[in-house]
N, C-alpha and C. Protein backbone atom coordinates (compact mmCIF):
# COMPACT_ATOMS: atom_id res chain seq x y z
N SER A 1 -14.71 26.88 -19.63
CA SER A 1 -15.09 25.92 -18.59
C SER A 1 -14.18 24.71 -18.56
N SER A 2 -13.52 24.40 -19.68
CA SER A 2 -12.61 23.25 -19.69
C SER A 2 -11.41 23.48 -18.78
N VAL A 3 -10.99 24.74 -18.65
CA VAL A 3 -9.89 25.06 -17.73
C VAL A 3 -10.29 24.76 -16.29
N ARG A 4 -11.51 25.13 -15.95
CA ARG A 4 -12.00 24.90 -14.60
C ARG A 4 -12.05 23.40 -14.28
N VAL A 5 -12.48 22.58 -15.25
CA VAL A 5 -12.55 21.13 -15.06
C VAL A 5 -11.17 20.56 -14.75
N SER A 6 -10.15 20.98 -15.52
CA SER A 6 -8.81 20.43 -15.29
C SER A 6 -8.24 20.92 -13.96
N ALA A 7 -8.65 22.10 -13.51
CA ALA A 7 -8.15 22.63 -12.24
C ALA A 7 -8.72 21.86 -11.05
N THR A 8 -9.91 21.29 -11.22
CA THR A 8 -10.55 20.57 -10.10
C THR A 8 -10.53 19.05 -10.34
N ARG A 9 -9.51 18.59 -11.03
CA ARG A 9 -9.43 17.17 -11.39
C ARG A 9 -9.13 16.27 -10.20
N ARG A 10 -8.43 16.81 -9.20
CA ARG A 10 -8.02 15.97 -8.06
C ARG A 10 -9.22 15.43 -7.31
N PRO A 11 -9.34 14.10 -7.19
CA PRO A 11 -10.46 13.56 -6.40
C PRO A 11 -10.19 13.75 -4.91
N SER A 12 -10.95 14.64 -4.28
CA SER A 12 -10.64 15.01 -2.91
C SER A 12 -10.81 13.86 -1.92
N SER A 13 -11.78 12.97 -2.17
CA SER A 13 -12.00 11.87 -1.23
C SER A 13 -10.81 10.92 -1.22
N LEU A 14 -10.28 10.60 -2.40
CA LEU A 14 -9.11 9.73 -2.48
C LEU A 14 -7.90 10.41 -1.86
N ASP A 15 -7.78 11.73 -2.14
CA ASP A 15 -6.68 12.49 -1.59
C ASP A 15 -6.61 12.42 -0.08
N SER A 16 -7.74 12.68 0.58
CA SER A 16 -7.72 12.70 2.03
C SER A 16 -7.44 11.31 2.59
N ARG A 17 -7.89 10.27 1.87
CA ARG A 17 -7.65 8.91 2.35
C ARG A 17 -6.18 8.53 2.24
N SER A 18 -5.54 8.87 1.12
CA SER A 18 -4.16 8.45 0.95
C SER A 18 -3.19 9.34 1.73
N THR A 19 -3.68 10.48 2.24
CA THR A 19 -2.80 11.33 3.05
C THR A 19 -3.08 11.20 4.54
N SER A 20 -4.21 10.57 4.92
CA SER A 20 -4.43 10.35 6.35
C SER A 20 -3.68 9.08 6.76
N SER A 21 -3.17 9.08 7.97
CA SER A 21 -2.25 8.02 8.38
C SER A 21 -2.95 6.79 8.95
N PHE A 22 -2.32 5.65 8.72
CA PHE A 22 -2.70 4.42 9.40
C PHE A 22 -2.04 4.44 10.76
N ALA A 23 -2.76 4.02 11.78
CA ALA A 23 -2.25 4.04 13.15
C ALA A 23 -1.23 2.93 13.35
N SER A 24 -0.33 3.15 14.30
CA SER A 24 0.66 2.14 14.64
C SER A 24 0.10 1.20 15.70
N GLY A 25 0.76 0.05 15.85
CA GLY A 25 0.40 -0.90 16.90
C GLY A 25 -0.87 -1.67 16.61
N GLY A 26 -1.45 -2.21 17.68
CA GLY A 26 -2.69 -2.96 17.55
C GLY A 26 -2.49 -4.26 16.77
N GLU A 27 -3.58 -4.72 16.17
CA GLU A 27 -3.49 -5.97 15.41
C GLU A 27 -2.99 -5.74 13.99
N GLY A 28 -2.80 -4.48 13.63
CA GLY A 28 -2.21 -4.18 12.34
C GLY A 28 -3.21 -3.86 11.25
N ILE A 29 -2.68 -3.67 10.06
CA ILE A 29 -3.45 -3.28 8.88
C ILE A 29 -3.60 -4.49 7.97
N ASP A 30 -4.79 -4.67 7.45
CA ASP A 30 -5.06 -5.73 6.50
C ASP A 30 -4.72 -5.20 5.11
N VAL A 31 -3.56 -5.58 4.58
CA VAL A 31 -3.11 -5.08 3.28
C VAL A 31 -3.36 -6.15 2.22
N THR A 32 -4.10 -5.78 1.18
CA THR A 32 -4.32 -6.66 0.04
C THR A 32 -3.51 -6.12 -1.13
N ILE A 33 -2.80 -6.99 -1.83
CA ILE A 33 -1.98 -6.56 -2.96
C ILE A 33 -2.43 -7.31 -4.20
N ALA A 34 -2.81 -6.56 -5.23
CA ALA A 34 -3.27 -7.16 -6.48
C ALA A 34 -2.14 -7.17 -7.51
N ALA A 35 -2.26 -8.07 -8.48
CA ALA A 35 -1.32 -8.19 -9.60
C ALA A 35 0.11 -8.45 -9.11
N VAL A 36 0.26 -9.31 -8.10
CA VAL A 36 1.58 -9.64 -7.56
C VAL A 36 2.36 -10.41 -8.63
N PRO A 37 3.60 -9.96 -8.94
CA PRO A 37 4.37 -10.62 -10.00
C PRO A 37 5.04 -11.92 -9.51
N GLY A 38 4.24 -12.90 -9.16
CA GLY A 38 4.78 -14.20 -8.75
C GLY A 38 5.18 -14.24 -7.28
N PHE A 39 5.48 -15.46 -6.83
CA PHE A 39 5.83 -15.66 -5.42
C PHE A 39 7.10 -14.91 -5.05
N GLN A 40 8.07 -14.88 -5.97
CA GLN A 40 9.31 -14.13 -5.73
C GLN A 40 9.02 -12.64 -5.52
N GLY A 41 8.09 -12.13 -6.31
CA GLY A 41 7.67 -10.73 -6.17
C GLY A 41 7.03 -10.46 -4.83
N LEU A 42 6.28 -11.45 -4.34
CA LEU A 42 5.66 -11.33 -3.02
C LEU A 42 6.72 -11.29 -1.92
N MET A 43 7.74 -12.15 -2.04
CA MET A 43 8.82 -12.17 -1.05
C MET A 43 9.59 -10.84 -1.05
N GLU A 44 9.83 -10.28 -2.24
CA GLU A 44 10.49 -8.97 -2.35
C GLU A 44 9.65 -7.88 -1.69
N LEU A 45 8.35 -7.96 -1.92
CA LEU A 45 7.42 -7.00 -1.32
C LEU A 45 7.47 -7.07 0.20
N GLN A 46 7.43 -8.28 0.74
CA GLN A 46 7.47 -8.45 2.19
C GLN A 46 8.79 -7.92 2.76
N ARG A 47 9.90 -8.23 2.09
CA ARG A 47 11.22 -7.73 2.55
C ARG A 47 11.26 -6.20 2.51
N ALA A 48 10.71 -5.61 1.45
CA ALA A 48 10.70 -4.15 1.32
C ALA A 48 9.91 -3.51 2.46
N LEU A 49 8.79 -4.12 2.82
CA LEU A 49 7.97 -3.60 3.92
C LEU A 49 8.72 -3.68 5.24
N VAL A 50 9.32 -4.83 5.52
CA VAL A 50 10.01 -5.04 6.80
C VAL A 50 11.21 -4.09 6.94
N ARG A 51 11.82 -3.71 5.81
CA ARG A 51 12.97 -2.80 5.86
C ARG A 51 12.59 -1.36 6.17
N LEU A 52 11.30 -1.01 6.00
CA LEU A 52 10.89 0.36 6.29
C LEU A 52 10.97 0.61 7.79
N PRO A 53 11.57 1.74 8.21
CA PRO A 53 11.76 2.00 9.65
C PRO A 53 10.45 2.07 10.44
N GLN A 54 9.35 2.44 9.77
CA GLN A 54 8.07 2.58 10.47
C GLN A 54 7.35 1.23 10.65
N VAL A 55 7.87 0.18 10.01
CA VAL A 55 7.19 -1.12 10.03
C VAL A 55 7.77 -2.02 11.11
N GLN A 56 6.88 -2.56 11.93
CA GLN A 56 7.27 -3.50 12.97
C GLN A 56 7.30 -4.92 12.43
N SER A 57 6.25 -5.30 11.68
CA SER A 57 6.21 -6.63 11.08
C SER A 57 5.28 -6.66 9.88
N ALA A 58 5.55 -7.61 8.97
CA ALA A 58 4.71 -7.82 7.78
C ALA A 58 4.61 -9.32 7.57
N ALA A 59 3.44 -9.89 7.85
CA ALA A 59 3.25 -11.33 7.74
C ALA A 59 2.31 -11.66 6.59
N VAL A 60 2.78 -12.52 5.69
CA VAL A 60 1.94 -12.95 4.57
C VAL A 60 0.85 -13.87 5.11
N ARG A 61 -0.40 -13.52 4.86
CA ARG A 61 -1.54 -14.32 5.33
C ARG A 61 -2.08 -15.23 4.24
N ARG A 62 -1.98 -14.76 2.99
CA ARG A 62 -2.58 -15.52 1.89
C ARG A 62 -1.91 -15.11 0.59
N TYR A 63 -1.80 -16.06 -0.33
CA TYR A 63 -1.32 -15.76 -1.68
C TYR A 63 -2.00 -16.71 -2.64
N GLN A 64 -2.83 -16.17 -3.52
CA GLN A 64 -3.59 -16.99 -4.44
C GLN A 64 -3.99 -16.16 -5.65
N ASP A 65 -3.84 -16.72 -6.83
CA ASP A 65 -4.25 -16.04 -8.07
C ASP A 65 -3.70 -14.63 -8.18
N ASP A 66 -2.39 -14.48 -7.96
CA ASP A 66 -1.70 -13.18 -8.08
C ASP A 66 -2.21 -12.12 -7.10
N GLU A 67 -2.93 -12.55 -6.06
CA GLU A 67 -3.36 -11.60 -5.04
C GLU A 67 -2.86 -12.09 -3.69
N ALA A 68 -2.32 -11.15 -2.92
CA ALA A 68 -1.76 -11.50 -1.62
C ALA A 68 -2.41 -10.69 -0.52
N ALA A 69 -2.39 -11.24 0.69
CA ALA A 69 -2.87 -10.52 1.86
C ALA A 69 -1.75 -10.52 2.89
N ILE A 70 -1.43 -9.35 3.39
CA ILE A 70 -0.35 -9.18 4.37
C ILE A 70 -0.91 -8.46 5.58
N GLN A 71 -0.57 -8.95 6.76
CA GLN A 71 -0.90 -8.26 8.01
C GLN A 71 0.30 -7.38 8.35
N LEU A 72 0.08 -6.08 8.30
CA LEU A 72 1.16 -5.12 8.48
C LEU A 72 0.99 -4.40 9.81
N VAL A 73 2.00 -4.49 10.68
CA VAL A 73 1.97 -3.79 11.96
C VAL A 73 3.02 -2.68 11.93
N LEU A 74 2.59 -1.47 12.22
CA LEU A 74 3.48 -0.31 12.20
C LEU A 74 3.93 0.05 13.62
N ASN A 75 5.15 0.59 13.73
CA ASN A 75 5.56 1.14 15.02
C ASN A 75 5.48 2.67 15.01
N GLN A 76 5.16 3.24 13.85
CA GLN A 76 4.89 4.68 13.72
C GLN A 76 3.76 4.83 12.71
N PRO A 77 2.88 5.84 12.86
CA PRO A 77 1.84 6.06 11.87
C PRO A 77 2.44 6.30 10.48
N MET A 78 1.73 5.88 9.46
CA MET A 78 2.25 5.96 8.09
C MET A 78 1.09 6.14 7.12
N THR A 79 1.26 6.96 6.09
CA THR A 79 0.21 7.14 5.09
C THR A 79 0.28 6.02 4.06
N ALA A 80 -0.83 5.82 3.37
CA ALA A 80 -0.89 4.80 2.31
C ALA A 80 0.14 5.08 1.22
N SER A 81 0.25 6.35 0.83
CA SER A 81 1.19 6.69 -0.23
C SER A 81 2.63 6.46 0.20
N ALA A 82 2.94 6.70 1.48
CA ALA A 82 4.30 6.43 1.98
C ALA A 82 4.60 4.94 1.97
N ILE A 83 3.60 4.11 2.29
CA ILE A 83 3.78 2.66 2.24
C ILE A 83 4.05 2.22 0.80
N ALA A 84 3.23 2.72 -0.14
CA ALA A 84 3.39 2.37 -1.55
C ALA A 84 4.75 2.83 -2.09
N GLU A 85 5.16 4.05 -1.71
CA GLU A 85 6.46 4.57 -2.17
C GLU A 85 7.61 3.75 -1.59
N GLY A 86 7.47 3.31 -0.34
CA GLY A 86 8.50 2.48 0.29
C GLY A 86 8.66 1.15 -0.40
N VAL A 87 7.54 0.56 -0.80
CA VAL A 87 7.58 -0.72 -1.51
C VAL A 87 8.20 -0.53 -2.90
N THR A 88 7.81 0.54 -3.58
CA THR A 88 8.36 0.83 -4.91
C THR A 88 9.87 1.00 -4.83
N ALA A 89 10.33 1.76 -3.83
CA ALA A 89 11.77 1.98 -3.66
C ALA A 89 12.49 0.69 -3.30
N GLY A 90 11.86 -0.15 -2.50
CA GLY A 90 12.49 -1.38 -2.03
C GLY A 90 12.50 -2.51 -3.04
N THR A 91 11.54 -2.50 -3.98
CA THR A 91 11.45 -3.60 -4.95
C THR A 91 11.87 -3.18 -6.35
N GLY A 92 11.87 -1.88 -6.62
CA GLY A 92 12.14 -1.41 -7.98
C GLY A 92 10.95 -1.62 -8.90
N LYS A 93 9.84 -2.08 -8.35
CA LYS A 93 8.62 -2.28 -9.14
C LYS A 93 7.58 -1.25 -8.69
N ARG A 94 6.90 -0.67 -9.67
CA ARG A 94 5.93 0.38 -9.33
C ARG A 94 4.67 -0.23 -8.74
N ILE A 95 4.22 0.36 -7.66
CA ILE A 95 3.01 -0.10 -6.98
C ILE A 95 2.20 1.14 -6.63
N PHE A 96 0.88 1.03 -6.71
CA PHE A 96 0.08 2.20 -6.36
C PHE A 96 -1.07 1.81 -5.46
N VAL A 97 -1.67 2.84 -4.85
CA VAL A 97 -2.75 2.65 -3.88
C VAL A 97 -4.07 2.53 -4.63
N ASP A 98 -4.72 1.39 -4.49
CA ASP A 98 -6.06 1.17 -5.06
C ASP A 98 -7.11 1.77 -4.14
N GLU A 99 -6.97 1.48 -2.85
CA GLU A 99 -7.94 1.96 -1.86
C GLU A 99 -7.26 2.03 -0.50
N ALA A 100 -7.49 3.12 0.21
CA ALA A 100 -6.92 3.28 1.55
C ALA A 100 -8.04 3.60 2.53
N ARG A 101 -8.17 2.77 3.56
CA ARG A 101 -9.21 2.96 4.57
C ARG A 101 -8.59 2.90 5.96
N PRO A 102 -7.88 3.98 6.37
CA PRO A 102 -7.26 3.97 7.70
C PRO A 102 -8.25 3.73 8.83
N ASP A 103 -9.49 4.21 8.64
CA ASP A 103 -10.52 4.03 9.67
C ASP A 103 -10.85 2.55 9.87
N ALA A 104 -10.78 1.76 8.77
CA ALA A 104 -11.11 0.33 8.83
C ALA A 104 -9.85 -0.54 8.86
N LEU A 105 -8.66 0.10 8.95
CA LEU A 105 -7.38 -0.61 8.93
C LEU A 105 -7.25 -1.51 7.70
N ARG A 106 -7.68 -0.97 6.54
CA ARG A 106 -7.60 -1.71 5.30
C ARG A 106 -6.89 -0.90 4.24
N LEU A 107 -6.00 -1.58 3.51
CA LEU A 107 -5.24 -0.93 2.45
C LEU A 107 -5.18 -1.89 1.28
N ARG A 108 -5.45 -1.38 0.09
CA ARG A 108 -5.36 -2.19 -1.12
C ARG A 108 -4.35 -1.56 -2.06
N LEU A 109 -3.31 -2.34 -2.37
CA LEU A 109 -2.25 -1.89 -3.27
C LEU A 109 -2.30 -2.72 -4.55
N ARG A 110 -1.69 -2.19 -5.61
CA ARG A 110 -1.66 -2.92 -6.88
C ARG A 110 -0.31 -2.69 -7.57
N PHE A 111 0.30 -3.79 -8.01
CA PHE A 111 1.51 -3.68 -8.81
C PHE A 111 1.12 -3.19 -10.20
N LEU A 112 1.93 -2.33 -10.77
CA LEU A 112 1.72 -1.89 -12.14
C LEU A 112 2.40 -2.88 -13.05
N ASN A 113 1.66 -3.50 -13.95
CA ASN A 113 2.23 -4.50 -14.85
C ASN A 113 3.13 -3.88 -15.89
N GLY A 114 4.02 -4.70 -16.40
CA GLY A 114 4.88 -4.24 -17.49
C GLY A 114 6.22 -3.71 -17.04
N ASP A 115 6.52 -3.76 -15.77
CA ASP A 115 7.83 -3.29 -15.29
C ASP A 115 8.86 -4.41 -15.36
């Protein structure tokens, strides 16, 4: 039975959320980023987002206690994991998806400490 447990380890609810796309246009996605490595790290994150071809704009709304809020407007639909991978590639710092809610236009990302 231990083999069966490891075979079904993938959490299906998280899977479907991180693979379903955020819509483009509109008022954008409310992106919260936890464990931001300082203000410089926030600026790098914003630059990395803006450089992605699917991103129309990324405006910092708030930055306090290592947590930031960014309003992200896409010009093409994009999955949460693609956004996280784009930021990781653009900043060289690992970031992962805490919570993805395309239906509510909410995304929560987290920097991995120790990089």
